[in-house]
Structures are given as structure tokens and as C-alpha cells.
N, C-alpha and C. Protein backbone atom coordinates (compact mmCIF):
# COMPACT_ATOMS: atom_id res chain seq x y z
N MET A 1 0.84 -1.17 0.00
CA MET A 1 0.00 0.00 0.00
C MET A 1 0.89 1.24 0.00
N ARG A 2 0.58 2.19 -0.83
CA ARG A 2 1.36 3.42 -0.94
C ARG A 2 0.60 4.55 -0.24
N PHE A 3 1.32 5.30 0.58
CA PHE A 3 0.71 6.43 1.26
C PHE A 3 0.79 7.67 0.38
N LEU A 4 -0.14 8.58 0.57
CA LEU A 4 -0.22 9.77 -0.29
C LEU A 4 1.02 10.65 -0.22
N ASP A 5 1.71 10.65 0.90
CA ASP A 5 2.88 11.52 1.02
C ASP A 5 4.16 10.86 0.50
N GLU A 6 4.09 9.60 0.06
CA GLU A 6 5.26 8.92 -0.50
C GLU A 6 5.44 9.34 -1.95
N PRO A 7 6.68 9.63 -2.36
CA PRO A 7 6.90 9.99 -3.76
C PRO A 7 6.65 8.78 -4.67
N LEU A 8 6.07 9.03 -5.83
CA LEU A 8 5.88 7.98 -6.81
C LEU A 8 7.18 7.74 -7.56
N PRO A 9 7.51 6.50 -7.87
CA PRO A 9 8.72 6.25 -8.66
C PRO A 9 8.51 6.75 -10.09
N VAL A 10 9.51 7.38 -10.62
CA VAL A 10 9.45 7.87 -12.00
C VAL A 10 10.76 7.53 -12.69
N MET A 11 10.72 7.57 -14.02
CA MET A 11 11.97 7.36 -14.76
C MET A 11 12.89 8.54 -14.49
N SER A 12 14.15 8.26 -14.36
CA SER A 12 15.13 9.31 -14.14
C SER A 12 15.22 10.22 -15.36
N ASP A 13 15.78 11.40 -15.16
CA ASP A 13 15.99 12.32 -16.29
C ASP A 13 16.86 11.67 -17.36
N ASP A 14 17.85 10.87 -16.92
CA ASP A 14 18.74 10.22 -17.89
C ASP A 14 18.00 9.20 -18.75
N LEU A 15 17.10 8.42 -18.15
CA LEU A 15 16.33 7.45 -18.94
C LEU A 15 15.35 8.17 -19.86
N GLN A 16 14.77 9.26 -19.40
CA GLN A 16 13.91 10.05 -20.27
C GLN A 16 14.71 10.60 -21.44
N ALA A 17 15.96 10.97 -21.19
CA ALA A 17 16.83 11.49 -22.25
C ALA A 17 17.17 10.39 -23.26
N VAL A 18 17.33 9.15 -22.81
CA VAL A 18 17.60 8.03 -23.72
C VAL A 18 16.42 7.88 -24.69
N VAL A 19 15.21 7.89 -24.16
CA VAL A 19 14.02 7.76 -25.01
C VAL A 19 13.91 8.97 -25.93
N GLY A 20 14.17 10.16 -25.39
CA GLY A 20 14.11 11.38 -26.21
C GLY A 20 15.12 11.36 -27.34
N MET A 21 16.33 10.89 -27.04
CA MET A 21 17.35 10.80 -28.07
C MET A 21 16.92 9.83 -29.18
N ALA A 22 16.27 8.74 -28.79
CA ALA A 22 15.80 7.77 -29.77
C ALA A 22 14.67 8.33 -30.63
N ILE A 23 13.92 9.28 -30.10
CA ILE A 23 12.86 9.92 -30.88
C ILE A 23 13.45 10.77 -32.00
N VAL A 24 14.49 11.52 -31.70
CA VAL A 24 15.04 12.46 -32.68
C VAL A 24 16.17 11.87 -33.52
N ASP A 25 16.76 10.77 -33.08
CA ASP A 25 17.89 10.17 -33.80
C ASP A 25 17.51 8.75 -34.23
N ARG A 26 17.08 8.61 -35.48
CA ARG A 26 16.61 7.32 -35.99
C ARG A 26 17.69 6.23 -35.93
N SER A 27 18.93 6.61 -36.15
CA SER A 27 20.02 5.64 -36.08
C SER A 27 20.16 5.09 -34.66
N PHE A 28 20.12 5.98 -33.67
CA PHE A 28 20.18 5.56 -32.28
C PHE A 28 18.97 4.69 -31.93
N GLN A 29 17.79 5.06 -32.45
CA GLN A 29 16.58 4.28 -32.21
C GLN A 29 16.74 2.86 -32.73
N ARG A 30 17.24 2.71 -33.96
CA ARG A 30 17.46 1.36 -34.52
C ARG A 30 18.43 0.57 -33.65
N ASP A 31 19.52 1.22 -33.25
CA ASP A 31 20.51 0.55 -32.41
C ASP A 31 19.92 0.15 -31.05
N LEU A 32 19.13 1.05 -30.47
CA LEU A 32 18.53 0.80 -29.16
C LEU A 32 17.58 -0.39 -29.22
N LEU A 33 16.79 -0.48 -30.28
CA LEU A 33 15.86 -1.59 -30.41
C LEU A 33 16.57 -2.90 -30.74
N ALA A 34 17.65 -2.82 -31.51
CA ALA A 34 18.38 -4.03 -31.91
C ALA A 34 19.26 -4.57 -30.79
N ASN A 35 19.95 -3.68 -30.08
CA ASN A 35 20.88 -4.10 -29.03
C ASN A 35 21.03 -2.96 -28.02
N PRO A 36 20.12 -2.88 -27.04
CA PRO A 36 20.15 -1.76 -26.10
C PRO A 36 21.47 -1.63 -25.34
N ARG A 37 22.03 -2.75 -24.94
CA ARG A 37 23.28 -2.70 -24.17
C ARG A 37 24.38 -1.99 -24.98
N LYS A 38 24.52 -2.35 -26.23
CA LYS A 38 25.54 -1.73 -27.09
C LYS A 38 25.18 -0.27 -27.39
N ALA A 39 23.91 0.01 -27.62
CA ALA A 39 23.48 1.37 -27.97
C ALA A 39 23.76 2.37 -26.86
N ILE A 40 23.68 1.94 -25.62
CA ILE A 40 23.85 2.89 -24.50
C ILE A 40 25.25 2.87 -23.89
N GLU A 41 26.14 2.04 -24.44
CA GLU A 41 27.46 1.89 -23.81
C GLU A 41 28.24 3.19 -23.74
N HIS A 42 28.01 4.11 -24.66
CA HIS A 42 28.75 5.38 -24.67
C HIS A 42 28.11 6.45 -23.79
N LEU A 43 26.94 6.16 -23.23
CA LEU A 43 26.23 7.15 -22.41
C LEU A 43 26.68 7.06 -20.95
N ASP A 44 26.66 8.19 -20.28
CA ASP A 44 27.06 8.25 -18.87
C ASP A 44 25.82 8.05 -18.00
N LEU A 45 25.48 6.77 -17.76
CA LEU A 45 24.31 6.43 -16.96
C LEU A 45 24.74 5.78 -15.66
N CYS A 46 23.95 5.98 -14.60
CA CYS A 46 24.24 5.28 -13.35
C CYS A 46 23.97 3.79 -13.57
N THR A 47 24.44 2.97 -12.67
CA THR A 47 24.32 1.52 -12.83
C THR A 47 22.86 1.08 -12.94
N ALA A 48 21.99 1.62 -12.11
CA ALA A 48 20.57 1.22 -12.13
C ALA A 48 19.93 1.59 -13.47
N ASP A 49 20.20 2.79 -13.98
CA ASP A 49 19.64 3.21 -15.25
C ASP A 49 20.20 2.38 -16.40
N ARG A 50 21.48 2.08 -16.34
CA ARG A 50 22.11 1.26 -17.39
C ARG A 50 21.48 -0.14 -17.42
N ARG A 51 21.30 -0.73 -16.25
CA ARG A 51 20.68 -2.05 -16.18
C ARG A 51 19.25 -2.02 -16.73
N ALA A 52 18.49 -1.01 -16.33
CA ALA A 52 17.09 -0.91 -16.77
C ALA A 52 17.01 -0.73 -18.29
N ALA A 53 17.82 0.17 -18.83
CA ALA A 53 17.78 0.45 -20.28
C ALA A 53 18.25 -0.75 -21.09
N ALA A 54 19.24 -1.47 -20.59
CA ALA A 54 19.78 -2.62 -21.32
C ALA A 54 18.89 -3.85 -21.21
N ALA A 55 18.04 -3.88 -20.20
CA ALA A 55 17.21 -5.06 -19.96
C ALA A 55 16.02 -5.17 -20.91
N ILE A 56 15.69 -4.09 -21.60
CA ILE A 56 14.52 -4.09 -22.48
C ILE A 56 14.96 -4.61 -23.85
N THR A 57 14.75 -5.88 -24.07
CA THR A 57 15.14 -6.50 -25.33
C THR A 57 13.90 -6.99 -26.08
N GLY A 58 14.02 -7.06 -27.38
CA GLY A 58 12.94 -7.60 -28.19
C GLY A 58 11.81 -6.63 -28.48
N ALA A 59 11.95 -5.37 -28.10
CA ALA A 59 10.90 -4.39 -28.41
C ALA A 59 10.84 -4.17 -29.91
N GLN A 60 9.64 -4.12 -30.45
CA GLN A 60 9.45 -3.95 -31.89
C GLN A 60 9.31 -2.48 -32.29
N SER A 61 9.11 -1.61 -31.32
CA SER A 61 8.97 -0.18 -31.62
C SER A 61 9.50 0.62 -30.43
N LEU A 62 9.75 1.89 -30.67
CA LEU A 62 10.20 2.76 -29.59
C LEU A 62 9.10 2.90 -28.54
N ALA A 63 7.86 2.93 -28.96
CA ALA A 63 6.74 3.03 -28.01
C ALA A 63 6.74 1.83 -27.07
N GLU A 64 6.95 0.63 -27.62
CA GLU A 64 7.00 -0.56 -26.78
C GLU A 64 8.21 -0.51 -25.85
N TYR A 65 9.35 -0.09 -26.37
CA TYR A 65 10.56 0.01 -25.54
C TYR A 65 10.30 0.96 -24.36
N ALA A 66 9.76 2.15 -24.66
CA ALA A 66 9.52 3.15 -23.62
C ALA A 66 8.51 2.65 -22.59
N LEU A 67 7.46 1.99 -23.05
CA LEU A 67 6.45 1.46 -22.14
C LEU A 67 7.05 0.40 -21.22
N ARG A 68 7.81 -0.51 -21.79
CA ARG A 68 8.42 -1.57 -20.98
C ARG A 68 9.48 -1.01 -20.04
N LEU A 69 10.21 0.02 -20.47
CA LEU A 69 11.19 0.66 -19.60
C LEU A 69 10.49 1.32 -18.42
N GLU A 70 9.42 2.04 -18.70
CA GLU A 70 8.66 2.68 -17.62
C GLU A 70 8.11 1.64 -16.66
N GLN A 71 7.56 0.56 -17.19
CA GLN A 71 7.02 -0.50 -16.34
C GLN A 71 8.11 -1.11 -15.47
N ARG A 72 9.29 -1.28 -16.05
CA ARG A 72 10.40 -1.85 -15.29
C ARG A 72 10.78 -0.92 -14.14
N VAL A 73 10.88 0.36 -14.43
CA VAL A 73 11.25 1.33 -13.40
C VAL A 73 10.18 1.40 -12.31
N LEU A 74 8.91 1.31 -12.72
CA LEU A 74 7.81 1.39 -11.76
C LEU A 74 7.55 0.06 -11.06
N GLY A 75 8.21 -1.00 -11.53
CA GLY A 75 8.04 -2.30 -10.90
C GLY A 75 6.80 -3.05 -11.34
N VAL A 76 6.28 -2.73 -12.52
CA VAL A 76 5.10 -3.41 -13.05
C VAL A 76 5.57 -4.68 -13.76
N ASP A 77 4.87 -5.77 -13.49
CA ASP A 77 5.19 -7.04 -14.17
C ASP A 77 4.65 -6.97 -15.59
N HIS A 78 5.54 -6.98 -16.59
CA HIS A 78 5.12 -6.86 -17.99
C HIS A 78 5.34 -8.15 -18.78
N ARG A 79 5.65 -9.24 -18.11
CA ARG A 79 5.82 -10.49 -18.83
C ARG A 79 4.51 -10.92 -19.47
N ASN A 80 4.61 -11.47 -20.64
CA ASN A 80 3.44 -11.96 -21.38
C ASN A 80 2.41 -10.87 -21.65
N ARG A 81 2.87 -9.63 -21.84
CA ARG A 81 1.99 -8.53 -22.19
C ARG A 81 2.59 -7.81 -23.38
N VAL A 82 1.76 -7.13 -24.12
CA VAL A 82 2.23 -6.43 -25.31
C VAL A 82 1.59 -5.05 -25.36
N ALA A 83 2.31 -4.06 -25.88
CA ALA A 83 1.77 -2.71 -26.01
C ALA A 83 0.75 -2.68 -27.13
N VAL A 84 -0.37 -2.05 -26.88
CA VAL A 84 -1.45 -1.95 -27.86
C VAL A 84 -1.85 -0.48 -27.99
N ARG A 85 -1.94 0.00 -29.23
CA ARG A 85 -2.34 1.39 -29.45
C ARG A 85 -3.84 1.53 -29.21
N ARG A 86 -4.20 2.49 -28.42
CA ARG A 86 -5.60 2.83 -28.15
C ARG A 86 -5.82 4.28 -28.55
N SER A 87 -7.07 4.68 -28.66
CA SER A 87 -7.36 6.06 -29.06
C SER A 87 -6.82 7.06 -28.03
N HIS A 88 -6.69 6.66 -26.79
CA HIS A 88 -6.20 7.54 -25.73
C HIS A 88 -4.73 7.30 -25.39
N GLY A 89 -4.03 6.52 -26.17
CA GLY A 89 -2.61 6.27 -25.92
C GLY A 89 -2.31 4.78 -25.94
N LEU A 90 -1.23 4.39 -25.28
CA LEU A 90 -0.83 2.99 -25.25
C LEU A 90 -1.33 2.33 -23.97
N SER A 91 -1.68 1.09 -24.08
CA SER A 91 -1.99 0.28 -22.90
C SER A 91 -1.38 -1.09 -23.15
N THR A 92 -1.42 -1.93 -22.16
CA THR A 92 -0.89 -3.28 -22.36
C THR A 92 -2.02 -4.28 -22.26
N GLN A 93 -1.89 -5.35 -23.03
CA GLN A 93 -2.86 -6.42 -23.02
C GLN A 93 -2.13 -7.74 -22.85
N PRO A 94 -2.73 -8.68 -22.13
CA PRO A 94 -2.08 -9.99 -22.01
C PRO A 94 -2.07 -10.71 -23.35
N VAL A 95 -1.04 -11.50 -23.55
CA VAL A 95 -0.93 -12.31 -24.76
C VAL A 95 -0.68 -13.75 -24.36
N LEU A 96 -1.11 -14.66 -25.21
CA LEU A 96 -0.83 -16.07 -24.98
C LEU A 96 0.56 -16.37 -25.48
N VAL A 97 1.30 -17.12 -24.72
CA VAL A 97 2.67 -17.46 -25.09
C VAL A 97 2.72 -18.95 -25.40
N ALA A 98 3.16 -19.27 -26.60
CA ALA A 98 3.29 -20.67 -26.97
C ALA A 98 4.48 -21.28 -26.26
N SER A 99 4.30 -22.48 -25.78
CA SER A 99 5.42 -23.13 -25.09
C SER A 99 5.91 -24.33 -25.85
């Protein structure tokens, strides 16, 4: 249970900058989606931010990457879920996983 006076967890300014850089730099965006660990190796990120940004693998779009990164930072379980475009923005929906 979260109390009203407790700060909500948010993405750090550095992680927001990573997503922002991917918005304006298509080459960085391709690299980030293909291999996040390699794409961010030249950035000066703290250990927690580096781990979070590198952990998002397999994203098919920047929107999915950003959503999963935010969920990771906020501690939301995103396994077996996928980003879905809605008229009011992105949401996640459960997906069936073949085993």
C-alpha cells in the first residue's frame, strides 16, 4: 500500500533522455531496439539506469521500448503482455505465449 505523502517512482531524467534521443535520432533508435546494451554503452548512466535500459530487449517499436522501460522502473510485471495502441494512448494487453 502506498501512502499519499510517498513519492511515486518515475523514470530518471537520464532514462527520459535516452528515449528522447531515440525519438530524434533514428540511427540511435534502430541501435537501441536491436541491441540496447551496445546502444547505450557510450552514455554516462548510473548503474541502475544502465541495467534498466539494457534489460529491455525484443521491443518492436520505440513506443514498446519506452512502455516496458517505464514499467520496469515502476516495478510493473510486464511479462506476457504487449503494447497496444488505443485512441487515448498505449496500454498493455495480455498475450498467450506458446510453449
